[in-house]
Structures are given as C-alpha cells and as structure tokens.
C-alpha cells in the first residue's frame, strides 16, 4: 500500500509542476521582434525588361516590330539558358 500512495503523490506533484509551467508560459509576454533596418535590394535596371514592357503595350503591332522580335528572341534564349548566336559580320557591300 505504501508504494501506491507514494506513486499517487509523485503523480500529483508532476501534474502540479506541469500546470504551473503551462500557466507561466501562457502569461509570458513575448518581446517584439526588431525589424530589419537593412535597405531593400534594388534590382539593376534591365533594358530588355523595358523593351518587353514597351512591346507588351504595343499589342498586336509588336509582332511586326523588329525590336520586339529581337527582344523576344533574347528573352527566350535567357529562359532556355542558350547563349545568343553571334551576328553575321557585315561586309562593306551589304548595306
């Protein structure tokens, strides 16, 4: 009988400690997290992006615009990870 009483007392003490720890944790006020004061990263200006925006605003007329066609080709090459093909050298009589 002595062992059962001792086990019950130990269980009651354990539950009391668990309840006390829970109450303390629930009433604790958390300090606000300090906000970062680092400046925001500004991406570098990309002329291709500006050209693509202009082509987007042109609408259907962009399909016949040489600058838009070149910008789309460059964008496609960037996306696919291809290196752009070198342009053919201009011969003096080709102009």
PDB file of N, CA and C in Angstrom:
ATOM      1  N   UNK A   1       0.797  -1.193   0.000  1.00  0.00           N
ATOM      2  CA  UNK A   1       0.000   0.000   0.000  1.00  0.00           C
ATOM      3  C   UNK A   1       0.840   1.256   0.000  1.00  0.00           C
ATOM      4  N   UNK A   2       1.929   1.177   0.662  1.00  0.00           N
ATOM      5  CA  UNK A   2       2.810   2.339   0.760  1.00  0.00           C
ATOM      6  C   UNK A   2       3.292   2.790  -0.623  1.00  0.00           C
ATOM      7  N   UNK A   3       3.535   1.869  -1.548  1.00  0.00           N
ATOM      8  CA  UNK A   3       4.015   2.196  -2.883  1.00  0.00           C
ATOM      9  C   UNK A   3       2.961   2.921  -3.712  1.00  0.00           C
ATOM     10  N   UNK A   4       1.693   2.543  -3.558  1.00  0.00           N
ATOM     11  CA  UNK A   4       0.622   3.188  -4.311  1.00  0.00           C
ATOM     12  C   UNK A   4       0.450   4.637  -3.879  1.00  0.00           C
ATOM     13  N   UNK A   5       0.544   4.892  -2.588  1.00  0.00           N
ATOM     14  CA  UNK A   5       0.389   6.244  -2.070  1.00  0.00           C
ATOM     15  C   UNK A   5       1.544   7.112  -2.557  1.00  0.00           C
ATOM     16  N   UNK A   6       2.738   6.567  -2.520  1.00  0.00           N
ATOM     17  CA  UNK A   6       3.917   7.309  -2.986  1.00  0.00           C
ATOM     18  C   UNK A   6       3.803   7.621  -4.488  1.00  0.00           C
ATOM     19  N   UNK A   7       3.286   6.687  -5.276  1.00  0.00           N
ATOM     20  CA  UNK A   7       3.114   6.897  -6.715  1.00  0.00           C
ATOM     21  C   UNK A   7       2.074   7.974  -6.967  1.00  0.00           C
ATOM     22  N   UNK A   8       0.993   7.975  -6.192  1.00  0.00           N
ATOM     23  CA  UNK A   8      -0.039   8.989  -6.354  1.00  0.00           C
ATOM     24  C   UNK A   8       0.489  10.372  -6.004  1.00  0.00           C
ATOM     25  N   UNK A   9       1.253  10.459  -4.949  1.00  0.00           N
ATOM     26  CA  UNK A   9       1.838  11.747  -4.544  1.00  0.00           C
ATOM     27  C   UNK A   9       2.782  12.248  -5.630  1.00  0.00           C
ATOM     28  N   UNK A  10       3.598  11.369  -6.209  1.00  0.00           N
ATOM     29  CA  UNK A  10       4.535  11.749  -7.263  1.00  0.00           C
ATOM     30  C   UNK A  10       3.771  12.217  -8.505  1.00  0.00           C
ATOM     31  N   UNK A  11       2.674  11.537  -8.828  1.00  0.00           N
ATOM     32  CA  UNK A  11       1.869  11.935  -9.980  1.00  0.00           C
ATOM     33  C   UNK A  11       1.231  13.294  -9.746  1.00  0.00           C
ATOM     34  N   UNK A  12       0.729  13.556  -8.545  1.00  0.00           N
ATOM     35  CA  UNK A  12       0.120  14.849  -8.226  1.00  0.00           C
ATOM     36  C   UNK A  12       1.158  15.959  -8.303  1.00  0.00           C
ATOM     37  N   UNK A  13       2.361  15.726  -7.801  1.00  0.00           N
ATOM     38  CA  UNK A  13       3.429  16.728  -7.859  1.00  0.00           C
ATOM     39  C   UNK A  13       3.813  16.991  -9.323  1.00  0.00           C
ATOM     40  N   UNK A  14       3.897  15.939 -10.102  1.00  0.00           N
ATOM     41  CA  UNK A  14       4.242  16.100 -11.521  1.00  0.00           C
ATOM     42  C   UNK A  14       3.184  16.925 -12.248  1.00  0.00           C
ATOM     43  N   UNK A  15       1.915  16.634 -12.035  1.00  0.00           N
ATOM     44  CA  UNK A  15       0.832  17.379 -12.673  1.00  0.00           C
ATOM     45  C   UNK A  15       0.849  18.827 -12.212  1.00  0.00           C
ATOM     46  N   UNK A  16       1.100  19.072 -10.936  1.00  0.00           N
ATOM     47  CA  UNK A  16       1.144  20.441 -10.419  1.00  0.00           C
ATOM     48  C   UNK A  16       2.279  21.230 -11.073  1.00  0.00           C
ATOM     49  N   UNK A  17       3.424  20.615 -11.231  1.00  0.00           N
ATOM     50  CA  UNK A  17       4.558  21.283 -11.876  1.00  0.00           C
ATOM     51  C   UNK A  17       4.234  21.558 -13.345  1.00  0.00           C
ATOM     52  N   UNK A  18       3.598  20.604 -14.027  1.00  0.00           N
ATOM     53  CA  UNK A  18       3.240  20.801 -15.433  1.00  0.00           C
ATOM     54  C   UNK A  18       2.235  21.936 -15.585  1.00  0.00           C
ATOM     55  N   UNK A  19       1.243  22.010 -14.709  1.00  0.00           N
ATOM     56  CA  UNK A  19       0.254  23.088 -14.770  1.00  0.00           C
ATOM     57  C   UNK A  19       0.909  24.424 -14.489  1.00  0.00           C
ATOM     58  N   UNK A  20       1.801  24.485 -13.511  1.00  0.00           N
ATOM     59  CA  UNK A  20       2.496  25.724 -13.192  1.00  0.00           C
ATOM     60  C   UNK A  20       3.347  26.199 -14.374  1.00  0.00           C
ATOM     61  N   UNK A  21       4.063  25.295 -15.001  1.00  0.00           N
ATOM     62  CA  UNK A  21       4.890  25.664 -16.153  1.00  0.00           C
ATOM     63  C   UNK A  21       4.018  26.155 -17.307  1.00  0.00           C
ATOM     64  N   UNK A  22       2.863  25.535 -17.500  1.00  0.00           N
ATOM     65  CA  UNK A  22       1.952  25.954 -18.566  1.00  0.00           C
ATOM     66  C   UNK A  22       1.409  27.348 -18.309  1.00  0.00           C
ATOM     67  N   UNK A  23       1.014  27.612 -17.078  1.00  0.00           N
ATOM     68  CA  UNK A  23       0.478  28.935 -16.733  1.00  0.00           C
ATOM     69  C   UNK A  23       1.549  30.001 -16.904  1.00  0.00           C
ATOM     70  N   UNK A  24       2.755  29.727 -16.486  1.00  0.00           N
ATOM     71  CA  UNK A  24       3.849  30.692 -16.626  1.00  0.00           C
ATOM     72  C   UNK A  24       4.115  30.973 -18.108  1.00  0.00           C
ATOM     73  N   UNK A  25       4.129  29.932 -18.914  1.00  0.00           N
ATOM     74  CA  UNK A  25       4.397  30.102 -20.351  1.00  0.00           C
ATOM     75  C   UNK A  25       3.276  30.879 -21.041  1.00  0.00           C
ATOM     76  N   UNK A  26       2.042  30.650 -20.654  1.00  0.00           N
ATOM     77  CA  UNK A  26       0.909  31.334 -21.283  1.00  0.00           C
ATOM     78  C   UNK A  26       0.831  32.812 -20.890  1.00  0.00           C
ATOM     79  N   UNK A  27       1.294  33.155 -19.706  1.00  0.00           N
ATOM     80  CA  UNK A  27       1.209  34.555 -19.266  1.00  0.00           C
ATOM     81  C   UNK A  27       2.444  35.358 -19.647  1.00  0.00           C
ATOM     82  N   UNK A  28       3.451  34.706 -20.169  1.00  0.00           N
ATOM     83  CA  UNK A  28       4.670  35.415 -20.558  1.00  0.00           C
ATOM     84  C   UNK A  28       4.396  36.272 -21.786  1.00  0.00           C
ATOM     85  N   UNK A  29       4.837  37.516 -21.745  1.00  0.00           N
ATOM     86  CA  UNK A  29       4.699  38.406 -22.896  1.00  0.00           C
ATOM     87  C   UNK A  29       5.983  38.333 -23.713  1.00  0.00           C
ATOM     88  N   UNK A  30       5.805  38.091 -24.989  1.00  0.00           N
ATOM     89  CA  UNK A  30       6.965  37.978 -25.863  1.00  0.00           C
ATOM     90  C   UNK A  30       7.415  39.372 -26.303  1.00  0.00           C
ATOM     91  N   UNK A  31       8.712  39.573 -26.319  1.00  0.00           N
ATOM     92  CA  UNK A  31       9.261  40.850 -26.769  1.00  0.00           C
ATOM     93  C   UNK A  31       9.065  40.951 -28.281  1.00  0.00           C
ATOM     94  N   UNK A  32       8.727  42.126 -28.780  1.00  0.00           N
ATOM     95  CA  UNK A  32       8.554  42.262 -30.228  1.00  0.00           C
ATOM     96  C   UNK A  32       9.877  42.032 -30.950  1.00  0.00           C
ATOM     97  N   UNK A  33       9.765  41.407 -32.090  1.00  0.00           N
ATOM     98  CA  UNK A  33      10.944  41.114 -32.901  1.00  0.00           C
ATOM     99  C   UNK A  33      11.410  42.413 -33.554  1.00  0.00           C
ATOM    100  N   UNK A  34      12.687  42.774 -33.392  1.00  0.00           N
ATOM    101  CA  UNK A  34      13.159  44.023 -34.015  1.00  0.00           C
ATOM    102  C   UNK A  34      13.111  43.908 -35.535  1.00  0.00           C
ATOM    103  N   UNK A  35      12.672  44.979 -36.155  1.00  0.00           N
ATOM    104  CA  UNK A  35      12.594  44.971 -37.611  1.00  0.00           C
ATOM    105  C   UNK A  35      13.964  45.245 -38.210  1.00  0.00           C
ATOM    106  N   UNK A  36      14.174  44.691 -39.360  1.00  0.00           N
ATOM    107  CA  UNK A  36      15.443  44.867 -40.046  1.00  0.00           C
ATOM    108  C   UNK A  36      15.518  46.275 -40.635  1.00  0.00           C
ATOM    109  N   UNK A  37      16.655  46.915 -40.451  1.00  0.00           N
ATOM    110  CA  UNK A  37      16.832  48.254 -40.992  1.00  0.00           C
ATOM    111  C   UNK A  37      17.707  48.251 -42.245  1.00  0.00           C
ATOM    112  N   UNK A  38      17.959  47.056 -42.767  1.00  0.00           N
ATOM    113  CA  UNK A  38      18.780  46.960 -43.975  1.00  0.00           C
ATOM    114  C   UNK A  38      17.997  47.537 -45.155  1.00  0.00           C
ATOM    115  N   UNK A  39      18.671  48.233 -46.048  1.00  0.00           N
ATOM    116  CA  UNK A  39      17.962  48.800 -47.206  1.00  0.00           C
ATOM    117  C   UNK A  39      17.466  47.681 -48.118  1.00  0.00           C
ATOM    118  N   UNK A  40      16.376  47.940 -48.764  1.00  0.00           N
ATOM    119  CA  UNK A  40      15.811  46.957 -49.688  1.00  0.00           C
ATOM    120  C   UNK A  40      16.715  46.817 -50.907  1.00  0.00           C
ATOM    121  N   UNK A  41      16.805  45.611 -51.390  1.00  0.00           N
ATOM    122  CA  UNK A  41      17.636  45.337 -52.561  1.00  0.00           C
ATOM    123  C   UNK A  41      16.931  45.856 -53.799  1.00  0.00           C
ATOM    124  N   UNK A  42      17.577  46.732 -54.525  1.00  0.00           N
ATOM    125  CA  UNK A  42      17.030  47.273 -55.757  1.00  0.00           C
ATOM    126  C   UNK A  42      17.672  46.529 -56.925  1.00  0.00           C
ATOM    127  N   UNK A  43      16.857  45.832 -57.724  1.00  0.00           N
ATOM    128  CA  UNK A  43      17.451  45.129 -58.861  1.00  0.00           C
ATOM    129  C   UNK A  43      18.007  46.128 -59.873  1.00  0.00           C
ATOM    130  N   UNK A  44      19.065  45.700 -60.534  1.00  0.00           N
ATOM    131  CA  UNK A  44      19.663  46.582 -61.532  1.00  0.00           C
ATOM    132  C   UNK A  44      18.701  46.736 -62.713  1.00  0.00           C
ATOM    133  N   UNK A  45      18.787  47.876 -63.355  1.00  0.00           N
ATOM    134  CA  UNK A  45      17.898  48.158 -64.478  1.00  0.00           C
ATOM    135  C   UNK A  45      18.237  47.222 -65.636  1.00  0.00           C
ATOM    136  N   UNK A  46      17.228  46.590 -66.185  1.00  0.00           N
ATOM    137  CA  UNK A  46      17.415  45.656 -67.285  1.00  0.00           C
ATOM    138  C   UNK A  46      16.766  46.250 -68.533  1.00  0.00           C
ATOM    139  N   UNK A  47      17.569  46.635 -69.530  1.00  0.00           N
ATOM    140  CA  UNK A  47      16.990  47.239 -70.732  1.00  0.00           C
ATOM    141  C   UNK A  47      16.063  46.271 -71.476  1.00  0.00           C
ATOM    142  N   UNK A  48      16.332  44.978 -71.380  1.00  0.00           N
ATOM    143  CA  UNK A  48      15.462  44.001 -72.040  1.00  0.00           C
ATOM    144  C   UNK A  48      14.067  44.047 -71.442  1.00  0.00           C
ATOM    145  N   UNK A  49      14.000  44.189 -70.122  1.00  0.00           N
ATOM    146  CA  UNK A  49      12.702  44.252 -69.455  1.00  0.00           C
ATOM    147  C   UNK A  49      11.903  45.468 -69.925  1.00  0.00           C
ATOM    148  N   UNK A  50      12.580  46.598 -70.051  1.00  0.00           N
ATOM    149  CA  UNK A  50      11.892  47.806 -70.510  1.00  0.00           C
ATOM    150  C   UNK A  50      11.398  47.628 -71.949  1.00  0.00           C
ATOM    151  N   UNK A  51      12.192  46.993 -72.776  1.00  0.00           N
ATOM    152  CA  UNK A  51      11.786  46.749 -74.161  1.00  0.00           C
ATOM    153  C   UNK A  51      10.592  45.806 -74.214  1.00  0.00           C
ATOM    154  N   UNK A  52      10.605  44.772 -73.378  1.00  0.00           N
ATOM    155  CA  UNK A  52       9.484  43.837 -73.352  1.00  0.00           C
ATOM    156  C   UNK A  52       8.203  44.523 -72.876  1.00  0.00           C
ATOM    157  N   UNK A  53       8.325  45.431 -71.928  1.00  0.00           N
ATOM    158  CA  UNK A  53       7.148  46.197 -71.474  1.00  0.00           C
ATOM    159  C   UNK A  53       6.584  47.048 -72.614  1.00  0.00           C
ATOM    160  N   UNK A  54       7.488  47.682 -73.359  1.00  0.00           N
ATOM    161  CA  UNK A  54       7.049  48.516 -74.486  1.00  0.00           C
ATOM    162  C   UNK A  54       6.342  47.654 -75.526  1.00  0.00           C
ATOM    163  N   UNK A  55       6.888  46.469 -75.780  1.00  0.00           N
ATOM    164  CA  UNK A  55       6.277  45.573 -76.761  1.00  0.00           C
ATOM    165  C   UNK A  55       4.916  45.082 -76.275  1.00  0.00           C
ATOM    166  N   UNK A  56       4.796  44.893 -74.980  1.00  0.00           N
ATOM    167  CA  UNK A  56       3.522  44.465 -74.420  1.00  0.00           C
ATOM    168  C   UNK A  56       2.451  45.540 -74.647  1.00  0.00           C
ATOM    169  N   UNK A  57       2.854  46.793 -74.517  1.00  0.00           N
ATOM    170  CA  UNK A  57       1.909  47.887 -74.699  1.00  0.00           C
ATOM    171  C   UNK A  57       1.550  48.096 -76.166  1.00  0.00           C
ATOM    172  N   UNK A  58       2.425  47.673 -77.073  1.00  0.00           N
ATOM    173  CA  UNK A  58       2.129  47.814 -78.499  1.00  0.00           C
ATOM    174  C   UNK A  58       1.013  46.876 -78.947  1.00  0.00           C
ATOM    175  N   UNK A  59       0.881  45.767 -78.262  1.00  0.00           N
ATOM    176  CA  UNK A  59      -0.161  44.814 -78.614  1.00  0.00           C
ATOM    177  C   UNK A  59       0.189  44.039 -79.867  1.00  0.00           C
ATOM    178  N   UNK A  60      -0.776  43.918 -80.781  1.00  0.00           N
ATOM    179  CA  UNK A  60      -0.588  43.123 -81.987  1.00  0.00           C
ATOM    180  C   UNK A  60       0.450  43.725 -82.929  1.00  0.00           C
ATOM    181  N   UNK A  61       0.638  45.026 -82.863  1.00  0.00           N
ATOM    182  CA  UNK A  61       1.627  45.686 -83.731  1.00  0.00           C
ATOM    183  C   UNK A  61       3.050  45.250 -83.390  1.00  0.00           C
ATOM    184  N   UNK A  62       3.252  44.707 -82.183  1.00  0.00           N
ATOM    185  CA  UNK A  62       4.593  44.277 -81.780  1.00  0.00           C
ATOM    186  C   UNK A  62       5.069  43.073 -82.583  1.00  0.00           C
ATOM    187  N   UNK A  63       4.134  42.314 -83.165  1.00  0.00           N
ATOM    188  CA  UNK A  63       4.543  41.122 -83.923  1.00  0.00           C
ATOM    189  C   UNK A  63       5.281  41.469 -85.207  1.00  0.00           C
ATOM    190  N   UNK A  64       5.171  42.720 -85.647  1.00  0.00           N
ATOM    191  CA  UNK A  64       5.905  43.123 -86.850  1.00  0.00           C
ATOM    192  C   UNK A  64       7.023  44.105 -86.541  1.00  0.00           C
ATOM    193  N   UNK A  65       7.252  44.389 -85.269  1.00  0.00           N
ATOM    194  CA  UNK A  65       8.304  45.321 -84.854  1.00  0.00           C
ATOM    195  C   UNK A  65       9.617  44.553 -84.686  1.00  0.00           C
ATOM    196  N   UNK A  66      10.670  44.996 -85.362  1.00  0.00           N
ATOM    197  CA  UNK A  66      11.965  44.292 -85.328  1.00  0.00           C
ATOM    198  C   UNK A  66      12.568  44.301 -83.926  1.00  0.00           C
ATOM    199  N   UNK A  67      12.434  45.418 -83.202  1.00  0.00           N
ATOM    200  CA  UNK A  67      12.983  45.482 -81.847  1.00  0.00           C
ATOM    201  C   UNK A  67      12.289  44.478 -80.926  1.00  0.00           C
ATOM    202  N   UNK A  68      10.984  44.343 -81.074  1.00  0.00           N
ATOM    203  CA  UNK A  68      10.242  43.406 -80.240  1.00  0.00           C
ATOM    204  C   UNK A  68      10.622  41.965 -80.573  1.00  0.00           C
ATOM    205  N   UNK A  69      10.765  41.676 -81.834  1.00  0.00           N
ATOM    206  CA  UNK A  69      11.164  40.323 -82.233  1.00  0.00           C
ATOM    207  C   UNK A  69      12.536  39.973 -81.659  1.00  0.00           C
ATOM    208  N   UNK A  70      13.454  40.931 -81.693  1.00  0.00           N
ATOM    209  CA  UNK A  70      14.793  40.698 -81.145  1.00  0.00           C
ATOM    210  C   UNK A  70      14.730  40.538 -79.616  1.00  0.00           C
ATOM    211  N   UNK A  71      13.899  41.345 -78.965  1.00  0.00           N
ATOM    212  CA  UNK A  71      13.769  41.260 -77.510  1.00  0.00           C
ATOM    213  C   UNK A  71      13.169  39.922 -77.110  1.00  0.00           C
ATOM    214  N   UNK A  72      12.159  39.448 -77.839  1.00  0.00           N
ATOM    215  CA  UNK A  72      11.563  38.155 -77.533  1.00  0.00           C
ATOM    216  C   UNK A  72      12.562  37.031 -77.733  1.00  0.00           C
ATOM    217  N   UNK A  73      13.376  37.125 -78.767  1.00  0.00           N
ATOM    218  CA  UNK A  73      14.387  36.102 -79.016  1.00  0.00           C
ATOM    219  C   UNK A  73      15.411  36.074 -77.885  1.00  0.00           C
ATOM    220  N   UNK A  74      15.842  37.253 -77.446  1.00  0.00           N
ATOM    221  CA  UNK A  74      16.814  37.311 -76.348  1.00  0.00           C
ATOM    222  C   UNK A  74      16.204  36.782 -75.056  1.00  0.00           C
ATOM    223  N   UNK A  75      14.947  37.128 -74.798  1.00  0.00           N
ATOM    224  CA  UNK A  75      14.270  36.649 -73.593  1.00  0.00           C
ATOM    225  C   UNK A  75      14.135  35.128 -73.628  1.00  0.00           C
ATOM    226  N   UNK A  76      13.795  34.592 -74.777  1.00  0.00           N
ATOM    227  CA  UNK A  76      13.669  33.152 -74.939  1.00  0.00           C
ATOM    228  C   UNK A  76      15.023  32.468 -74.702  1.00  0.00           C
ATOM    229  N   UNK A  77      16.086  33.061 -75.252  1.00  0.00           N
ATOM    230  CA  UNK A  77      17.421  32.492 -75.068  1.00  0.00           C
ATOM    231  C   UNK A  77      17.835  32.519 -73.599  1.00  0.00           C
ATOM    232  N   UNK A  78      17.527  33.600 -72.907  1.00  0.00           N
ATOM    233  CA  UNK A  78      17.844  33.676 -71.475  1.00  0.00           C
ATOM    234  C   UNK A  78      17.093  32.595 -70.702  1.00  0.00           C
ATOM    235  N   UNK A  79      15.807  32.434 -71.013  1.00  0.00           N
ATOM    236  CA  UNK A  79      14.990  31.460 -70.305  1.00  0.00           C
ATOM    237  C   UNK A  79      15.505  30.047 -70.528  1.00  0.00           C
ATOM    238  N   UNK A  80      15.855  29.739 -71.760  1.00  0.00           N
ATOM    239  CA  UNK A  80      16.316  28.395 -72.089  1.00  0.00           C
ATOM    240  C   UNK A  80      17.789  28.180 -71.764  1.00  0.00           C
ATOM    241  N   UNK A  81      18.490  29.222 -71.373  1.00  0.00           N
ATOM    242  CA  UNK A  81      19.898  29.088 -70.997  1.00  0.00           C
ATOM    243  C   UNK A  81      20.828  28.985 -72.177  1.00  0.00           C
ATOM    244  N   UNK A  82      20.379  29.435 -73.308  1.00  0.00           N
ATOM    245  CA  UNK A  82      21.229  29.402 -74.501  1.00  0.00           C
ATOM    246  C   UNK A  82      22.040  30.680 -74.601  1.00  0.00           C
ATOM    247  N   UNK A  83      23.203  30.559 -75.195  1.00  0.00           N
ATOM    248  CA  UNK A  83      23.976  31.766 -75.481  1.00  0.00           C
ATOM    249  C   UNK A  83      23.505  32.298 -76.824  1.00  0.00           C
ATOM    250  N   UNK A  84      23.327  33.598 -76.939  1.00  0.00           N
ATOM    251  CA  UNK A  84      22.845  34.144 -78.210  1.00  0.00           C
ATOM    252  C   UNK A  84      23.848  33.893 -79.319  1.00  0.00           C
ATOM    253  N   UNK A  85      23.318  33.612 -80.501  1.00  0.00           N
ATOM    254  CA  UNK A  85      24.173  33.352 -81.657  1.00  0.00           C
ATOM    255  C   UNK A  85      24.862  34.648 -82.070  1.00  0.00           C
ATOM    256  N   UNK A  86      26.152  34.580 -82.417  1.00  0.00           N
ATOM    257  CA  UNK A  86      26.824  35.804 -82.854  1.00  0.00           C
ATOM    258  C   UNK A  86      26.243  36.274 -84.174  1.00  0.00           C
ATOM    259  N   UNK A  87      26.164  37.587 -84.292  1.00  0.00           N
ATOM    260  CA  UNK A  87      25.623  38.159 -85.516  1.00  0.00           C
ATOM    261  C   UNK A  87      26.614  37.960 -86.666  1.00  0.00           C
ATOM    262  N   UNK A  88      26.054  37.825 -87.858  1.00  0.00           N
ATOM    263  CA  UNK A  88      26.904  37.644 -89.034  1.00  0.00           C
ATOM    264  C   UNK A  88      27.673  38.941 -89.288  1.00  0.00           C
ATOM    265  N   UNK A  89      28.958  38.835 -89.609  1.00  0.00           N
ATOM    266  CA  UNK A  89      29.739  40.051 -89.850  1.00  0.00           C
ATOM    267  C   UNK A  89      29.208  40.786 -91.080  1.00  0.00           C
ATOM    268  N   UNK A  90      29.176  42.101 -91.003  1.00  0.00           N
ATOM    269  CA  UNK A  90      28.709  42.929 -92.116  1.00  0.00           C
ATOM    270  C   UNK A  90      29.848  43.108 -93.130  1.00  0.00           C
ATOM    271  N   UNK A  91      29.569  42.855 -94.382  1.00  0.00           N
ATOM    272  CA  UNK A  91      30.528  43.105 -95.444  1.00  0.00           C
ATOM    273  C   UNK A  91      30.295  44.511 -95.970  1.00  0.00           C
ATOM    274  N   UNK A  92      31.299  45.192 -96.419  1.00  0.00           N
ATOM    275  CA  UNK A  92      31.145  46.590 -96.876  1.00  0.00           C
ATOM    276  C   UNK A  92      30.098  46.757 -97.970  1.00  0.00           C
ATOM    277  N   UNK A  93      29.871  45.801 -98.827  1.00  0.00           N
ATOM    278  CA  UNK A  93      28.940  45.964 -99.941  1.00  0.00           C
ATOM    279  C   UNK A  93      27.513  45.534 -99.586  1.00  0.00           C
ATOM    280  N   UNK A  94      27.238  45.037 -98.366  1.00  0.00           N
ATOM    281  CA  UNK A  94      25.914  44.517 -97.992  1.00  0.00           C
ATOM    282  C   UNK A  94      24.943  45.608 -97.592  1.00  0.00           C
ATOM    283  N   UNK A  95      25.334  46.783 -97.388  1.00  0.00           N
ATOM    284  CA  UNK A  95      24.445  47.806 -96.870  1.00  0.00           C
ATOM    285  C   UNK A  95      23.516  48.183 -97.919  1.00  0.00           C
TER     286      UNK A  95
END
